[in-house]
N, C-alpha and C. Protein backbone atom coordinates (compact mmCIF):
# COMPACT_ATOMS: atom_id res chain seq x y z
N MET A 1 16.44 7.81 -14.10
CA MET A 1 15.62 7.58 -15.28
C MET A 1 15.33 6.09 -15.45
N ARG A 2 16.33 5.24 -15.24
CA ARG A 2 16.11 3.79 -15.35
C ARG A 2 15.12 3.31 -14.32
N ALA A 3 15.20 3.84 -13.12
CA ALA A 3 14.29 3.43 -12.05
C ALA A 3 12.84 3.78 -12.42
N VAL A 4 12.65 4.97 -13.00
CA VAL A 4 11.31 5.38 -13.41
C VAL A 4 10.80 4.48 -14.54
N SER A 5 11.64 4.21 -15.53
CA SER A 5 11.26 3.34 -16.64
C SER A 5 10.91 1.94 -16.13
N PHE A 6 11.72 1.42 -15.21
CA PHE A 6 11.48 0.10 -14.65
C PHE A 6 10.15 0.07 -13.89
N ALA A 7 9.87 1.12 -13.13
CA ALA A 7 8.63 1.19 -12.35
C ALA A 7 7.42 1.22 -13.28
N ILE A 8 7.51 1.99 -14.36
CA ILE A 8 6.41 2.06 -15.33
C ILE A 8 6.20 0.70 -15.99
N LEU A 9 7.28 0.05 -16.39
CA LEU A 9 7.19 -1.27 -17.00
C LEU A 9 6.58 -2.28 -16.05
N LEU A 10 7.02 -2.25 -14.80
CA LEU A 10 6.51 -3.17 -13.79
C LEU A 10 5.01 -2.95 -13.56
N PHE A 11 4.60 -1.69 -13.46
CA PHE A 11 3.18 -1.36 -13.26
C PHE A 11 2.36 -1.81 -14.45
N ALA A 12 2.83 -1.54 -15.66
CA ALA A 12 2.09 -1.91 -16.87
C ALA A 12 1.95 -3.42 -16.97
N THR A 13 2.99 -4.16 -16.64
CA THR A 13 2.95 -5.61 -16.69
C THR A 13 1.97 -6.16 -15.67
N SER A 14 1.96 -5.62 -14.47
CA SER A 14 1.04 -6.12 -13.45
C SER A 14 -0.39 -5.78 -13.79
N ALA A 15 -0.63 -4.63 -14.41
CA ALA A 15 -1.99 -4.25 -14.79
C ALA A 15 -2.53 -5.20 -15.85
N VAL A 16 -1.70 -5.54 -16.85
CA VAL A 16 -2.13 -6.49 -17.87
C VAL A 16 -2.37 -7.85 -17.25
N GLY A 17 -1.51 -8.27 -16.34
CA GLY A 17 -1.69 -9.55 -15.66
C GLY A 17 -2.98 -9.60 -14.88
N ASP A 18 -3.33 -8.50 -14.21
CA ASP A 18 -4.58 -8.45 -13.47
C ASP A 18 -5.77 -8.59 -14.40
N ASP A 19 -5.75 -7.90 -15.56
CA ASP A 19 -6.83 -8.01 -16.52
C ASP A 19 -6.95 -9.44 -17.03
N GLY A 20 -5.81 -10.08 -17.33
CA GLY A 20 -5.82 -11.45 -17.82
C GLY A 20 -6.43 -12.39 -16.81
N SER A 21 -6.10 -12.21 -15.55
CA SER A 21 -6.65 -13.04 -14.48
C SER A 21 -8.15 -12.80 -14.35
N ALA A 22 -8.56 -11.55 -14.40
CA ALA A 22 -9.98 -11.21 -14.30
C ALA A 22 -10.74 -11.75 -15.51
N ARG A 23 -10.13 -11.68 -16.68
CA ARG A 23 -10.78 -12.19 -17.89
C ARG A 23 -10.96 -13.70 -17.81
N ALA A 24 -9.98 -14.40 -17.27
CA ALA A 24 -10.07 -15.86 -17.13
C ALA A 24 -11.22 -16.25 -16.21
N LYS A 25 -11.56 -15.40 -15.26
CA LYS A 25 -12.66 -15.69 -14.34
C LYS A 25 -14.01 -15.70 -15.04
N LEU A 26 -14.10 -15.07 -16.21
CA LEU A 26 -15.35 -15.07 -16.97
C LEU A 26 -15.70 -16.46 -17.51
N ILE A 27 -14.69 -17.26 -17.75
CA ILE A 27 -14.89 -18.57 -18.35
C ILE A 27 -15.67 -19.46 -17.38
N GLY A 28 -16.76 -20.04 -17.88
CA GLY A 28 -17.57 -20.92 -17.06
C GLY A 28 -19.03 -20.88 -17.45
N ARG A 29 -19.83 -21.53 -16.64
CA ARG A 29 -21.28 -21.60 -16.86
C ARG A 29 -21.94 -20.81 -15.74
N TRP A 30 -22.89 -19.94 -16.11
CA TRP A 30 -23.50 -19.00 -15.17
C TRP A 30 -25.02 -19.07 -15.24
N LYS A 31 -25.68 -19.25 -14.08
CA LYS A 31 -27.14 -19.28 -14.02
C LYS A 31 -27.63 -18.08 -13.22
N PRO A 32 -28.89 -17.64 -13.44
CA PRO A 32 -29.41 -16.47 -12.72
C PRO A 32 -29.38 -16.70 -11.21
N GLN A 33 -29.03 -15.65 -10.46
CA GLN A 33 -29.01 -15.76 -9.00
C GLN A 33 -30.41 -15.74 -8.42
N GLU A 34 -31.27 -14.90 -8.95
CA GLU A 34 -32.62 -14.78 -8.42
C GLU A 34 -33.53 -15.74 -9.17
N SER A 35 -34.36 -16.47 -8.42
CA SER A 35 -35.28 -17.42 -9.06
C SER A 35 -36.27 -16.70 -9.97
N ALA A 36 -36.58 -15.46 -9.67
CA ALA A 36 -37.51 -14.69 -10.50
C ALA A 36 -36.90 -14.34 -11.85
N ALA A 37 -35.58 -14.45 -11.98
CA ALA A 37 -34.89 -14.07 -13.22
C ALA A 37 -34.59 -15.27 -14.11
N LYS A 38 -35.32 -16.36 -13.96
CA LYS A 38 -35.06 -17.56 -14.75
C LYS A 38 -35.13 -17.30 -16.25
N GLU A 39 -35.98 -16.33 -16.65
CA GLU A 39 -36.09 -16.01 -18.07
C GLU A 39 -34.81 -15.40 -18.62
N ALA A 40 -33.87 -15.05 -17.75
CA ALA A 40 -32.57 -14.52 -18.18
C ALA A 40 -31.71 -15.61 -18.81
N GLY A 41 -32.03 -16.87 -18.55
CA GLY A 41 -31.30 -17.97 -19.15
C GLY A 41 -29.95 -18.22 -18.52
N VAL A 42 -29.19 -19.11 -19.14
CA VAL A 42 -27.87 -19.50 -18.67
C VAL A 42 -26.84 -19.05 -19.71
N TRP A 43 -25.76 -18.46 -19.24
CA TRP A 43 -24.65 -18.03 -20.11
C TRP A 43 -23.48 -18.98 -19.91
N THR A 44 -22.87 -19.43 -20.99
CA THR A 44 -21.66 -20.25 -20.93
C THR A 44 -20.61 -19.56 -21.78
N LEU A 45 -19.45 -19.28 -21.16
CA LEU A 45 -18.35 -18.64 -21.86
C LEU A 45 -17.16 -19.60 -21.87
N GLU A 46 -16.62 -19.86 -23.06
CA GLU A 46 -15.49 -20.77 -23.22
C GLU A 46 -14.40 -20.09 -24.04
N ALA A 47 -13.16 -20.25 -23.61
CA ALA A 47 -12.02 -19.71 -24.36
C ALA A 47 -11.62 -20.72 -25.44
N LYS A 48 -11.27 -20.21 -26.60
CA LYS A 48 -10.82 -21.05 -27.71
C LYS A 48 -9.69 -20.33 -28.43
N ASN A 49 -8.58 -20.98 -28.61
CA ASN A 49 -7.48 -20.47 -29.44
C ASN A 49 -7.12 -19.00 -29.19
N GLY A 50 -6.79 -18.65 -27.98
CA GLY A 50 -6.31 -17.30 -27.69
C GLY A 50 -7.39 -16.25 -27.64
N ASP A 51 -7.62 -15.55 -28.77
CA ASP A 51 -8.55 -14.42 -28.75
C ASP A 51 -9.95 -14.79 -29.24
N ILE A 52 -10.24 -16.09 -29.38
CA ILE A 52 -11.57 -16.53 -29.80
C ILE A 52 -12.36 -16.93 -28.56
N LEU A 53 -13.60 -16.53 -28.52
CA LEU A 53 -14.46 -16.85 -27.39
C LEU A 53 -15.74 -17.49 -27.93
N ARG A 54 -16.19 -18.55 -27.27
CA ARG A 54 -17.49 -19.15 -27.60
C ARG A 54 -18.44 -18.75 -26.48
N VAL A 55 -19.55 -18.15 -26.87
CA VAL A 55 -20.55 -17.71 -25.91
C VAL A 55 -21.87 -18.37 -26.29
N THR A 56 -22.47 -19.06 -25.32
CA THR A 56 -23.76 -19.72 -25.53
C THR A 56 -24.75 -19.16 -24.52
N HIS A 57 -25.92 -18.81 -25.00
CA HIS A 57 -27.00 -18.32 -24.14
C HIS A 57 -28.18 -19.27 -24.36
N SER A 58 -28.61 -19.91 -23.29
CA SER A 58 -29.70 -20.89 -23.42
C SER A 58 -30.75 -20.67 -22.35
N LEU A 59 -31.93 -21.15 -22.66
CA LEU A 59 -33.06 -21.09 -21.73
C LEU A 59 -33.66 -22.49 -21.71
N GLY A 60 -33.47 -23.19 -20.59
CA GLY A 60 -33.88 -24.58 -20.51
C GLY A 60 -33.06 -25.40 -21.50
N ASP A 61 -33.73 -26.19 -22.33
CA ASP A 61 -33.04 -27.01 -23.33
C ASP A 61 -32.85 -26.26 -24.66
N GLN A 62 -33.35 -25.04 -24.75
CA GLN A 62 -33.30 -24.29 -26.00
C GLN A 62 -32.11 -23.34 -26.03
N LYS A 63 -31.28 -23.45 -27.08
CA LYS A 63 -30.18 -22.50 -27.28
C LYS A 63 -30.75 -21.26 -27.93
N LEU A 64 -30.64 -20.14 -27.23
CA LEU A 64 -31.11 -18.87 -27.79
C LEU A 64 -30.09 -18.33 -28.78
N SER A 65 -28.81 -18.43 -28.40
CA SER A 65 -27.75 -18.01 -29.31
C SER A 65 -26.46 -18.73 -28.95
N GLU A 66 -25.64 -18.93 -29.97
CA GLU A 66 -24.31 -19.51 -29.78
C GLU A 66 -23.40 -18.86 -30.81
N LEU A 67 -22.28 -18.36 -30.32
CA LEU A 67 -21.38 -17.69 -31.25
C LEU A 67 -19.93 -18.00 -30.89
N GLU A 68 -19.12 -18.00 -31.91
CA GLU A 68 -17.67 -18.04 -31.75
C GLU A 68 -17.16 -16.82 -32.47
N CYS A 69 -16.47 -15.97 -31.73
CA CYS A 69 -16.04 -14.71 -32.32
C CYS A 69 -14.74 -14.27 -31.67
N SER A 70 -13.95 -13.54 -32.41
CA SER A 70 -12.71 -12.99 -31.90
C SER A 70 -13.02 -11.87 -30.92
N THR A 71 -12.16 -11.68 -29.94
CA THR A 71 -12.34 -10.58 -28.98
C THR A 71 -11.54 -9.35 -29.40
N THR A 72 -11.26 -9.25 -30.69
CA THR A 72 -10.52 -8.10 -31.20
C THR A 72 -11.43 -7.02 -31.77
N GLY A 73 -12.76 -7.22 -31.67
CA GLY A 73 -13.71 -6.23 -32.18
C GLY A 73 -14.20 -6.52 -33.58
N ARG A 74 -13.67 -7.58 -34.20
CA ARG A 74 -14.10 -7.95 -35.55
C ARG A 74 -15.56 -8.43 -35.51
N GLU A 75 -16.33 -8.07 -36.52
CA GLU A 75 -17.74 -8.42 -36.57
C GLU A 75 -17.94 -9.87 -37.00
N CYS A 76 -18.86 -10.58 -36.35
CA CYS A 76 -19.20 -11.97 -36.66
C CYS A 76 -20.71 -12.06 -36.91
N GLU A 77 -21.10 -12.94 -37.82
CA GLU A 77 -22.53 -13.18 -38.05
C GLU A 77 -22.95 -14.36 -37.20
N ILE A 78 -24.16 -14.25 -36.59
CA ILE A 78 -24.68 -15.31 -35.73
C ILE A 78 -26.17 -15.46 -35.96
N LYS A 79 -26.74 -16.50 -35.34
CA LYS A 79 -28.19 -16.67 -35.25
C LYS A 79 -28.56 -16.46 -33.80
N ASP A 80 -29.49 -15.55 -33.54
CA ASP A 80 -29.96 -15.25 -32.20
C ASP A 80 -31.46 -15.44 -32.19
N SER A 81 -31.94 -16.44 -31.46
CA SER A 81 -33.36 -16.78 -31.42
C SER A 81 -33.92 -16.96 -32.83
N GLY A 82 -33.11 -17.59 -33.70
CA GLY A 82 -33.53 -17.87 -35.07
C GLY A 82 -33.36 -16.72 -36.04
N LYS A 83 -32.95 -15.55 -35.56
CA LYS A 83 -32.77 -14.40 -36.44
C LYS A 83 -31.29 -14.13 -36.67
N THR A 84 -30.95 -13.67 -37.87
CA THR A 84 -29.57 -13.33 -38.18
C THR A 84 -29.18 -12.05 -37.45
N ALA A 85 -27.99 -12.05 -36.90
CA ALA A 85 -27.48 -10.89 -36.16
C ALA A 85 -25.99 -10.76 -36.41
N LYS A 86 -25.45 -9.60 -36.09
CA LYS A 86 -24.01 -9.36 -36.15
C LYS A 86 -23.53 -8.99 -34.77
N VAL A 87 -22.38 -9.53 -34.39
CA VAL A 87 -21.83 -9.31 -33.06
C VAL A 87 -20.37 -8.93 -33.17
N SER A 88 -19.95 -8.00 -32.33
CA SER A 88 -18.53 -7.67 -32.14
C SER A 88 -18.24 -7.82 -30.65
N MET A 89 -17.06 -8.35 -30.32
CA MET A 89 -16.67 -8.50 -28.91
C MET A 89 -15.25 -7.99 -28.73
N TRP A 90 -15.02 -7.37 -27.57
CA TRP A 90 -13.69 -6.91 -27.20
C TRP A 90 -13.64 -6.77 -25.68
N PHE A 91 -12.43 -6.64 -25.17
CA PHE A 91 -12.26 -6.42 -23.74
C PHE A 91 -11.98 -4.95 -23.48
N ASN A 92 -12.63 -4.42 -22.47
CA ASN A 92 -12.36 -3.09 -21.95
C ASN A 92 -11.87 -3.34 -20.52
N GLY A 93 -10.57 -3.45 -20.35
CA GLY A 93 -10.02 -3.86 -19.06
C GLY A 93 -10.42 -5.29 -18.80
N ALA A 94 -11.04 -5.55 -17.66
CA ALA A 94 -11.47 -6.90 -17.30
C ALA A 94 -12.87 -7.23 -17.82
N LYS A 95 -13.56 -6.25 -18.39
CA LYS A 95 -14.93 -6.46 -18.87
C LYS A 95 -14.94 -6.92 -20.32
N LEU A 96 -15.77 -7.93 -20.60
CA LEU A 96 -16.01 -8.35 -21.96
C LEU A 96 -17.20 -7.53 -22.47
N VAL A 97 -17.01 -6.87 -23.60
CA VAL A 97 -18.07 -6.05 -24.19
C VAL A 97 -18.55 -6.75 -25.46
N GLU A 98 -19.87 -6.86 -25.59
CA GLU A 98 -20.48 -7.46 -26.77
C GLU A 98 -21.46 -6.45 -27.35
N LEU A 99 -21.33 -6.18 -28.63
CA LEU A 99 -22.26 -5.28 -29.32
C LEU A 99 -23.00 -6.11 -30.35
N GLU A 100 -24.32 -6.21 -30.19
CA GLU A 100 -25.13 -7.05 -31.08
C GLU A 100 -26.09 -6.17 -31.88
N THR A 101 -26.10 -6.40 -33.20
CA THR A 101 -27.03 -5.72 -34.10
C THR A 101 -27.92 -6.77 -34.72
N LYS A 102 -29.22 -6.66 -34.43
CA LYS A 102 -30.21 -7.60 -34.97
C LYS A 102 -31.29 -6.78 -35.64
N GLY A 103 -31.24 -6.73 -36.98
CA GLY A 103 -32.16 -5.86 -37.71
C GLY A 103 -31.83 -4.41 -37.37
N ARG A 104 -32.81 -3.69 -36.86
CA ARG A 104 -32.58 -2.29 -36.47
C ARG A 104 -32.25 -2.15 -34.99
N GLU A 105 -32.28 -3.25 -34.26
CA GLU A 105 -32.00 -3.20 -32.83
C GLU A 105 -30.50 -3.35 -32.57
N VAL A 106 -29.99 -2.53 -31.66
CA VAL A 106 -28.59 -2.61 -31.25
C VAL A 106 -28.56 -2.68 -29.72
N VAL A 107 -27.89 -3.71 -29.19
CA VAL A 107 -27.78 -3.91 -27.76
C VAL A 107 -26.31 -4.11 -27.40
N LYS A 108 -25.91 -3.45 -26.33
CA LYS A 108 -24.55 -3.60 -25.81
C LYS A 108 -24.64 -4.37 -24.50
N ARG A 109 -23.79 -5.39 -24.36
CA ARG A 109 -23.72 -6.14 -23.10
C ARG A 109 -22.30 -6.06 -22.57
N ARG A 110 -22.19 -5.89 -21.26
CA ARG A 110 -20.87 -5.90 -20.62
C ARG A 110 -20.88 -6.99 -19.56
N PHE A 111 -19.96 -7.93 -19.70
CA PHE A 111 -19.83 -9.05 -18.77
C PHE A 111 -18.65 -8.79 -17.86
N ALA A 112 -18.86 -8.89 -16.55
CA ALA A 112 -17.77 -8.68 -15.58
C ALA A 112 -18.01 -9.58 -14.37
N VAL A 113 -16.92 -10.11 -13.84
CA VAL A 113 -17.00 -10.96 -12.65
C VAL A 113 -16.70 -10.09 -11.44
N ALA A 114 -17.55 -10.19 -10.42
CA ALA A 114 -17.35 -9.45 -9.17
C ALA A 114 -16.06 -9.93 -8.51
N LYS A 115 -15.49 -9.10 -7.66
CA LYS A 115 -14.20 -9.38 -7.04
C LYS A 115 -14.10 -10.74 -6.38
N GLN A 116 -15.17 -11.21 -5.73
CA GLN A 116 -15.11 -12.50 -5.06
C GLN A 116 -15.09 -13.66 -6.06
N GLY A 117 -15.42 -13.41 -7.34
CA GLY A 117 -15.27 -14.41 -8.39
C GLY A 117 -16.43 -15.37 -8.56
N ASP A 118 -17.47 -15.25 -7.77
CA ASP A 118 -18.59 -16.19 -7.90
C ASP A 118 -19.84 -15.55 -8.46
N THR A 119 -19.77 -14.28 -8.86
CA THR A 119 -20.92 -13.58 -9.43
C THR A 119 -20.53 -12.92 -10.75
N LEU A 120 -21.29 -13.23 -11.78
CA LEU A 120 -21.14 -12.59 -13.08
C LEU A 120 -22.21 -11.52 -13.19
N GLU A 121 -21.80 -10.30 -13.51
CA GLU A 121 -22.75 -9.22 -13.75
C GLU A 121 -22.82 -8.96 -15.24
N VAL A 122 -24.02 -9.01 -15.78
CA VAL A 122 -24.23 -8.73 -17.19
C VAL A 122 -25.06 -7.46 -17.27
N GLU A 123 -24.41 -6.42 -17.77
CA GLU A 123 -25.09 -5.13 -17.94
C GLU A 123 -25.63 -5.09 -19.37
N ILE A 124 -26.93 -4.89 -19.50
CA ILE A 124 -27.59 -4.86 -20.80
C ILE A 124 -28.01 -3.42 -21.08
N ILE A 125 -27.47 -2.87 -22.18
CA ILE A 125 -27.69 -1.47 -22.51
C ILE A 125 -28.33 -1.38 -23.90
N PRO A 126 -29.64 -1.12 -23.98
CA PRO A 126 -30.26 -0.94 -25.29
C PRO A 126 -29.77 0.37 -25.92
N ILE A 127 -29.22 0.27 -27.13
CA ILE A 127 -28.71 1.45 -27.83
C ILE A 127 -29.78 1.97 -28.80
N VAL A 128 -30.29 1.08 -29.66
CA VAL A 128 -31.34 1.42 -30.62
C VAL A 128 -32.39 0.33 -30.55
N PRO A 129 -33.64 0.60 -30.23
CA PRO A 129 -34.09 1.87 -29.70
C PRO A 129 -33.53 2.08 -28.29
N GLU A 130 -33.44 3.34 -27.93
CA GLU A 130 -32.92 3.68 -26.61
C GLU A 130 -33.79 3.06 -25.53
N GLY A 131 -33.15 2.64 -24.47
CA GLY A 131 -33.91 2.04 -23.39
C GLY A 131 -33.16 2.16 -22.08
N ARG A 132 -33.76 1.66 -21.05
CA ARG A 132 -33.16 1.73 -19.71
C ARG A 132 -32.20 0.55 -19.53
N PRO A 133 -30.96 0.83 -19.16
CA PRO A 133 -30.00 -0.25 -18.90
C PRO A 133 -30.42 -1.07 -17.68
N GLU A 134 -30.07 -2.34 -17.68
CA GLU A 134 -30.32 -3.18 -16.51
C GLU A 134 -29.11 -4.08 -16.29
N THR A 135 -28.91 -4.48 -15.05
CA THR A 135 -27.82 -5.37 -14.70
C THR A 135 -28.40 -6.63 -14.08
N LEU A 136 -28.03 -7.77 -14.66
CA LEU A 136 -28.46 -9.07 -14.14
C LEU A 136 -27.26 -9.75 -13.49
N ARG A 137 -27.51 -10.51 -12.44
CA ARG A 137 -26.44 -11.20 -11.72
C ARG A 137 -26.63 -12.71 -11.86
N PHE A 138 -25.51 -13.38 -12.11
CA PHE A 138 -25.50 -14.81 -12.33
C PHE A 138 -24.49 -15.46 -11.38
N ALA A 139 -24.78 -16.70 -10.97
CA ALA A 139 -23.89 -17.46 -10.09
C ALA A 139 -23.20 -18.55 -10.93
N ARG A 140 -21.94 -18.78 -10.61
CA ARG A 140 -21.18 -19.83 -11.30
C ARG A 140 -21.82 -21.18 -10.94
N THR A 141 -21.93 -22.06 -11.93
CA THR A 141 -22.53 -23.36 -11.72
C THR A 141 -21.70 -24.44 -12.40
N GLN A 142 -21.88 -25.66 -11.98
CA GLN A 142 -21.24 -26.79 -12.63
C GLN A 142 -22.07 -27.19 -13.82
N ARG A 143 -21.50 -27.82 -14.77
CA ARG A 143 -22.20 -28.25 -16.00
C ARG A 143 -23.37 -29.10 -15.74
């Protein structure tokens, strides 16, 4: 019985450690991989005080949105392209999930780093109005 309990504890600890390592890989500045996707802008993710994350989305010199929000799912108010919006963020395993409500529009984004660590995949899922999901790929860049 002790051996089984120890094995479960060891597995659970390593799984959490893997998620933490994968989550840390999200931190950085990311630009679109394809030149045709320049309108996707640049994403910058910064860790602040444990469960707080600062996310900036910019296009050229213009900040489209910047938010600091807890990753516990608590709702935060932000400005997105000059409009008031509400955002919730949480982790689902190694993926950062962002749910944004702007007026009547609701969009879900899932941020995940590919195994090699140099590609960020951002899955954009329109909830309201319903739409076709798309995945954009970004490359890690220096400031």
